[in-house]
Amino acid sequence: MNSELADHLPKALAESKLLPALKSLDLSKGTMGSVGARALLDARSAFQHLESISVDENFLDDVTLEELRELGPTILETEQKEDDLSIPGEVHRYVSMAE
């Protein structure tokens, strides 16, 4: 939750010995985009046992969210953020809660 590394967490979690002990996974309020979502989808069998995965307040588009809904666990995805394009030629993403 609230991680700047949200695109990297799904791959690491899929390979973790701790994942089977979890009932739900909260990846909300982070900077996850298509890279993290693709990692979840590519390792779908590792996440099948979960009751829910929260991806609220990330940077996922409608097509990606639709793919995630077919993953198996309930996908909590009520709101997504938009990339910050305020600096020409640059894309910035921020966690939801920062100092």
N, C-alpha and C. Protein backbone atom coordinates (compact mmCIF):
# COMPACT_ATOMS: atom_id res chain seq x y z
N MET A 1 0.84 -1.18 0.00
CA MET A 1 0.00 0.00 0.00
C MET A 1 0.88 1.25 0.00
N ASN A 2 0.48 2.24 -0.85
CA ASN A 2 1.15 3.54 -0.88
C ASN A 2 2.62 3.42 -1.28
N SER A 3 2.92 2.54 -2.19
CA SER A 3 4.31 2.28 -2.56
C SER A 3 4.70 2.90 -3.90
N GLU A 4 5.87 3.50 -3.92
CA GLU A 4 6.45 4.00 -5.17
C GLU A 4 6.97 2.84 -6.02
N LEU A 5 7.08 1.67 -5.44
CA LEU A 5 7.59 0.48 -6.13
C LEU A 5 6.47 -0.46 -6.55
N ALA A 6 5.27 0.06 -6.65
CA ALA A 6 4.09 -0.78 -6.89
C ALA A 6 4.17 -1.61 -8.17
N ASP A 7 4.88 -1.13 -9.18
CA ASP A 7 5.03 -1.92 -10.40
C ASP A 7 5.93 -3.13 -10.19
N HIS A 8 6.77 -3.09 -9.18
CA HIS A 8 7.72 -4.18 -8.93
C HIS A 8 7.22 -5.19 -7.90
N LEU A 9 6.25 -4.81 -7.09
CA LEU A 9 5.78 -5.68 -6.01
C LEU A 9 5.11 -6.97 -6.48
N PRO A 10 4.24 -6.94 -7.49
CA PRO A 10 3.58 -8.20 -7.87
C PRO A 10 4.54 -9.32 -8.25
N LYS A 11 5.58 -9.02 -9.00
CA LYS A 11 6.54 -10.06 -9.39
C LYS A 11 7.25 -10.62 -8.15
N ALA A 12 7.68 -9.73 -7.27
CA ALA A 12 8.35 -10.18 -6.04
C ALA A 12 7.41 -11.00 -5.16
N LEU A 13 6.18 -10.56 -5.05
CA LEU A 13 5.20 -11.29 -4.23
C LEU A 13 4.87 -12.66 -4.81
N ALA A 14 4.79 -12.74 -6.13
CA ALA A 14 4.48 -14.02 -6.78
C ALA A 14 5.52 -15.08 -6.47
N GLU A 15 6.75 -14.65 -6.22
CA GLU A 15 7.86 -15.56 -5.93
C GLU A 15 8.09 -15.73 -4.42
N SER A 16 7.31 -15.02 -3.60
CA SER A 16 7.51 -15.02 -2.16
C SER A 16 6.87 -16.23 -1.49
N LYS A 17 7.52 -16.72 -0.45
CA LYS A 17 6.96 -17.81 0.35
C LYS A 17 5.84 -17.31 1.25
N LEU A 18 5.72 -16.00 1.42
CA LEU A 18 4.69 -15.42 2.27
C LEU A 18 3.33 -15.33 1.58
N LEU A 19 3.31 -15.24 0.26
CA LEU A 19 2.06 -15.05 -0.46
C LEU A 19 1.00 -16.10 -0.14
N PRO A 20 1.32 -17.38 -0.05
CA PRO A 20 0.27 -18.37 0.24
C PRO A 20 -0.42 -18.16 1.59
N ALA A 21 0.21 -17.45 2.50
CA ALA A 21 -0.40 -17.20 3.82
C ALA A 21 -1.38 -16.02 3.81
N LEU A 22 -1.39 -15.26 2.75
CA LEU A 22 -2.26 -14.09 2.68
C LEU A 22 -3.66 -14.46 2.19
N LYS A 23 -4.65 -13.72 2.70
CA LYS A 23 -6.03 -13.86 2.22
C LYS A 23 -6.39 -12.73 1.27
N SER A 24 -5.77 -11.57 1.48
CA SER A 24 -6.00 -10.42 0.62
C SER A 24 -4.69 -9.67 0.44
N LEU A 25 -4.67 -8.82 -0.58
CA LEU A 25 -3.46 -8.08 -0.91
C LEU A 25 -3.85 -6.64 -1.18
N ASP A 26 -3.22 -5.70 -0.51
CA ASP A 26 -3.53 -4.29 -0.68
C ASP A 26 -2.38 -3.58 -1.39
N LEU A 27 -2.58 -3.31 -2.67
CA LEU A 27 -1.60 -2.58 -3.48
C LEU A 27 -2.12 -1.18 -3.81
N SER A 28 -3.02 -0.68 -3.00
CA SER A 28 -3.66 0.60 -3.26
C SER A 28 -2.74 1.79 -2.98
N LYS A 29 -3.17 2.95 -3.49
CA LYS A 29 -2.55 4.25 -3.22
C LYS A 29 -1.11 4.36 -3.71
N GLY A 30 -0.72 3.51 -4.65
CA GLY A 30 0.66 3.51 -5.13
C GLY A 30 0.82 4.09 -6.52
N THR A 31 1.86 3.64 -7.19
CA THR A 31 2.19 4.15 -8.52
C THR A 31 2.09 3.05 -9.58
N MET A 32 1.29 2.02 -9.32
CA MET A 32 1.19 0.91 -10.25
C MET A 32 0.54 1.32 -11.56
N GLY A 33 1.16 0.88 -12.63
CA GLY A 33 0.61 1.06 -13.96
C GLY A 33 0.52 -0.29 -14.65
N SER A 34 0.65 -0.29 -15.94
CA SER A 34 0.49 -1.53 -16.71
C SER A 34 1.58 -2.56 -16.41
N VAL A 35 2.77 -2.13 -16.02
CA VAL A 35 3.85 -3.08 -15.72
C VAL A 35 3.48 -3.96 -14.52
N GLY A 36 3.01 -3.35 -13.46
CA GLY A 36 2.62 -4.11 -12.27
C GLY A 36 1.40 -4.98 -12.53
N ALA A 37 0.43 -4.43 -13.27
CA ALA A 37 -0.76 -5.21 -13.60
C ALA A 37 -0.40 -6.42 -14.44
N ARG A 38 0.50 -6.25 -15.40
CA ARG A 38 0.92 -7.36 -16.26
C ARG A 38 1.61 -8.43 -15.42
N ALA A 39 2.39 -8.03 -14.42
CA ALA A 39 3.05 -9.00 -13.54
C ALA A 39 2.02 -9.81 -12.76
N LEU A 40 0.95 -9.15 -12.31
CA LEU A 40 -0.13 -9.87 -11.63
C LEU A 40 -0.77 -10.89 -12.57
N LEU A 41 -1.04 -10.45 -13.78
CA LEU A 41 -1.70 -11.33 -14.75
C LEU A 41 -0.79 -12.48 -15.19
N ASP A 42 0.49 -12.20 -15.35
CA ASP A 42 1.42 -13.24 -15.79
C ASP A 42 1.63 -14.31 -14.72
N ALA A 43 1.44 -13.94 -13.46
CA ALA A 43 1.61 -14.90 -12.35
C ALA A 43 0.26 -15.21 -11.72
N ARG A 44 -0.78 -15.23 -12.53
CA ARG A 44 -2.15 -15.39 -12.01
C ARG A 44 -2.32 -16.59 -11.09
N SER A 45 -1.65 -17.68 -11.37
CA SER A 45 -1.82 -18.87 -10.52
C SER A 45 -1.33 -18.62 -9.09
N ALA A 46 -0.34 -17.77 -8.92
CA ALA A 46 0.18 -17.48 -7.58
C ALA A 46 -0.82 -16.68 -6.75
N PHE A 47 -1.71 -15.92 -7.42
CA PHE A 47 -2.64 -15.04 -6.73
C PHE A 47 -4.07 -15.59 -6.67
N GLN A 48 -4.31 -16.75 -7.26
CA GLN A 48 -5.66 -17.32 -7.35
C GLN A 48 -6.32 -17.54 -6.00
N HIS A 49 -5.55 -17.86 -4.99
CA HIS A 49 -6.12 -18.19 -3.68
C HIS A 49 -6.62 -16.96 -2.91
N LEU A 50 -6.24 -15.77 -3.33
CA LEU A 50 -6.62 -14.56 -2.60
C LEU A 50 -8.11 -14.28 -2.73
N GLU A 51 -8.69 -13.74 -1.67
CA GLU A 51 -10.08 -13.32 -1.72
C GLU A 51 -10.21 -11.99 -2.46
N SER A 52 -9.24 -11.08 -2.26
CA SER A 52 -9.31 -9.78 -2.92
C SER A 52 -7.91 -9.20 -3.10
N ILE A 53 -7.83 -8.33 -4.10
CA ILE A 53 -6.63 -7.54 -4.36
C ILE A 53 -7.10 -6.10 -4.57
N SER A 54 -6.59 -5.18 -3.76
CA SER A 54 -6.96 -3.78 -3.90
C SER A 54 -5.92 -3.06 -4.75
N VAL A 55 -6.40 -2.43 -5.81
CA VAL A 55 -5.54 -1.60 -6.66
C VAL A 55 -6.11 -0.18 -6.75
N ASP A 56 -6.92 0.20 -5.75
CA ASP A 56 -7.47 1.56 -5.69
C ASP A 56 -6.35 2.59 -5.77
N GLU A 57 -6.64 3.71 -6.37
CA GLU A 57 -5.75 4.87 -6.40
C GLU A 57 -4.36 4.55 -6.95
N ASN A 58 -4.33 3.87 -8.08
CA ASN A 58 -3.09 3.66 -8.81
C ASN A 58 -3.23 4.35 -10.16
N PHE A 59 -2.55 3.87 -11.18
CA PHE A 59 -2.55 4.51 -12.49
C PHE A 59 -2.93 3.49 -13.57
N LEU A 60 -4.05 2.81 -13.37
CA LEU A 60 -4.47 1.75 -14.27
C LEU A 60 -5.59 2.23 -15.18
N ASP A 61 -5.50 1.88 -16.46
CA ASP A 61 -6.55 2.28 -17.40
C ASP A 61 -7.69 1.26 -17.39
N ASP A 62 -8.77 1.60 -18.06
CA ASP A 62 -9.97 0.76 -18.05
C ASP A 62 -9.73 -0.63 -18.64
N VAL A 63 -8.93 -0.71 -19.69
CA VAL A 63 -8.65 -2.01 -20.33
C VAL A 63 -7.89 -2.91 -19.36
N THR A 64 -6.91 -2.36 -18.69
CA THR A 64 -6.11 -3.14 -17.73
C THR A 64 -6.98 -3.58 -16.55
N LEU A 65 -7.83 -2.69 -16.06
CA LEU A 65 -8.73 -3.05 -14.96
C LEU A 65 -9.66 -4.18 -15.36
N GLU A 66 -10.14 -4.16 -16.58
CA GLU A 66 -11.01 -5.24 -17.06
C GLU A 66 -10.26 -6.57 -17.06
N GLU A 67 -9.01 -6.56 -17.50
CA GLU A 67 -8.20 -7.78 -17.47
C GLU A 67 -8.00 -8.27 -16.04
N LEU A 68 -7.75 -7.35 -15.11
CA LEU A 68 -7.54 -7.73 -13.71
C LEU A 68 -8.81 -8.33 -13.11
N ARG A 69 -9.98 -7.84 -13.51
CA ARG A 69 -11.24 -8.37 -12.98
C ARG A 69 -11.41 -9.85 -13.31
N GLU A 70 -10.74 -10.30 -14.34
CA GLU A 70 -10.83 -11.70 -14.76
C GLU A 70 -9.76 -12.57 -14.10
N LEU A 71 -8.95 -11.99 -13.24
CA LEU A 71 -7.86 -12.69 -12.57
C LEU A 71 -8.35 -13.80 -11.65
N GLY A 72 -9.46 -13.58 -10.97
CA GLY A 72 -9.98 -14.58 -10.02
C GLY A 72 -10.42 -13.93 -8.73
N PRO A 73 -9.48 -13.37 -7.95
CA PRO A 73 -9.88 -12.68 -6.73
C PRO A 73 -10.71 -11.43 -7.05
N THR A 74 -11.50 -10.98 -6.08
CA THR A 74 -12.21 -9.71 -6.24
C THR A 74 -11.19 -8.60 -6.37
N ILE A 75 -11.35 -7.75 -7.37
CA ILE A 75 -10.44 -6.62 -7.59
C ILE A 75 -11.13 -5.35 -7.10
N LEU A 76 -10.54 -4.72 -6.12
CA LEU A 76 -11.06 -3.46 -5.58
C LEU A 76 -10.35 -2.33 -6.31
N GLU A 77 -11.11 -1.56 -7.10
CA GLU A 77 -10.49 -0.57 -7.97
C GLU A 77 -11.38 0.64 -8.19
N THR A 78 -11.90 1.20 -7.11
CA THR A 78 -12.90 2.24 -7.23
C THR A 78 -12.41 3.53 -7.88
N GLU A 79 -11.17 3.88 -7.73
CA GLU A 79 -10.67 5.15 -8.26
C GLU A 79 -9.24 5.00 -8.74
N GLN A 80 -8.94 5.62 -9.87
CA GLN A 80 -7.57 5.61 -10.39
C GLN A 80 -7.10 7.05 -10.56
N LYS A 81 -5.78 7.23 -10.50
CA LYS A 81 -5.19 8.55 -10.65
C LYS A 81 -4.71 8.73 -12.10
N GLU A 82 -4.45 9.98 -12.46
CA GLU A 82 -3.93 10.31 -13.78
C GLU A 82 -2.46 10.68 -13.66
N ASP A 83 -1.69 10.35 -14.69
CA ASP A 83 -0.29 10.76 -14.73
C ASP A 83 -0.19 12.28 -14.63
N ASP A 84 0.84 12.75 -13.93
CA ASP A 84 1.11 14.19 -13.84
C ASP A 84 1.95 14.56 -15.06
N LEU A 85 1.37 15.34 -15.95
CA LEU A 85 2.05 15.76 -17.18
C LEU A 85 2.34 17.25 -17.16
N SER A 86 2.44 17.83 -15.97
CA SER A 86 2.60 19.28 -15.83
C SER A 86 3.95 19.79 -16.36
N ILE A 87 4.94 18.94 -16.45
CA ILE A 87 6.24 19.32 -17.02
C ILE A 87 6.31 18.71 -18.41
N PRO A 88 6.37 19.56 -19.44
CA PRO A 88 6.38 19.04 -20.82
C PRO A 88 7.46 17.98 -21.04
N GLY A 89 7.05 16.86 -21.64
CA GLY A 89 7.97 15.78 -21.95
C GLY A 89 8.27 14.83 -20.80
N GLU A 90 7.66 15.04 -19.65
CA GLU A 90 7.90 14.19 -18.49
C GLU A 90 6.59 13.66 -17.95
N VAL A 91 6.64 12.42 -17.43
CA VAL A 91 5.49 11.80 -16.78
C VAL A 91 5.89 11.50 -15.35
N HIS A 92 5.07 11.98 -14.42
CA HIS A 92 5.35 11.73 -13.01
C HIS A 92 4.15 11.04 -12.36
N ARG A 93 4.46 10.15 -11.43
CA ARG A 93 3.45 9.46 -10.65
C ARG A 93 3.81 9.59 -9.19
N TYR A 94 2.77 9.77 -8.38
CA TYR A 94 2.99 9.98 -6.95
C TYR A 94 2.09 9.04 -6.14
N VAL A 95 2.59 8.64 -4.99
CA VAL A 95 1.77 7.87 -4.07
C VAL A 95 0.66 8.77 -3.54
N SER A 96 -0.38 8.20 -2.99
CA SER A 96 -1.52 8.99 -2.53
C SER A 96 -1.23 9.75 -1.24
N MET A 97 -0.44 9.16 -0.36
CA MET A 97 -0.15 9.81 0.91
C MET A 97 1.36 9.98 1.05
N ALA A 98 1.79 11.22 1.09
CA ALA A 98 3.22 11.51 1.24
C ALA A 98 3.39 12.60 2.30
N GLU A 99 4.62 12.77 2.73
CA GLU A 99 4.88 13.81 3.72
C GLU A 99 4.68 15.17 3.14
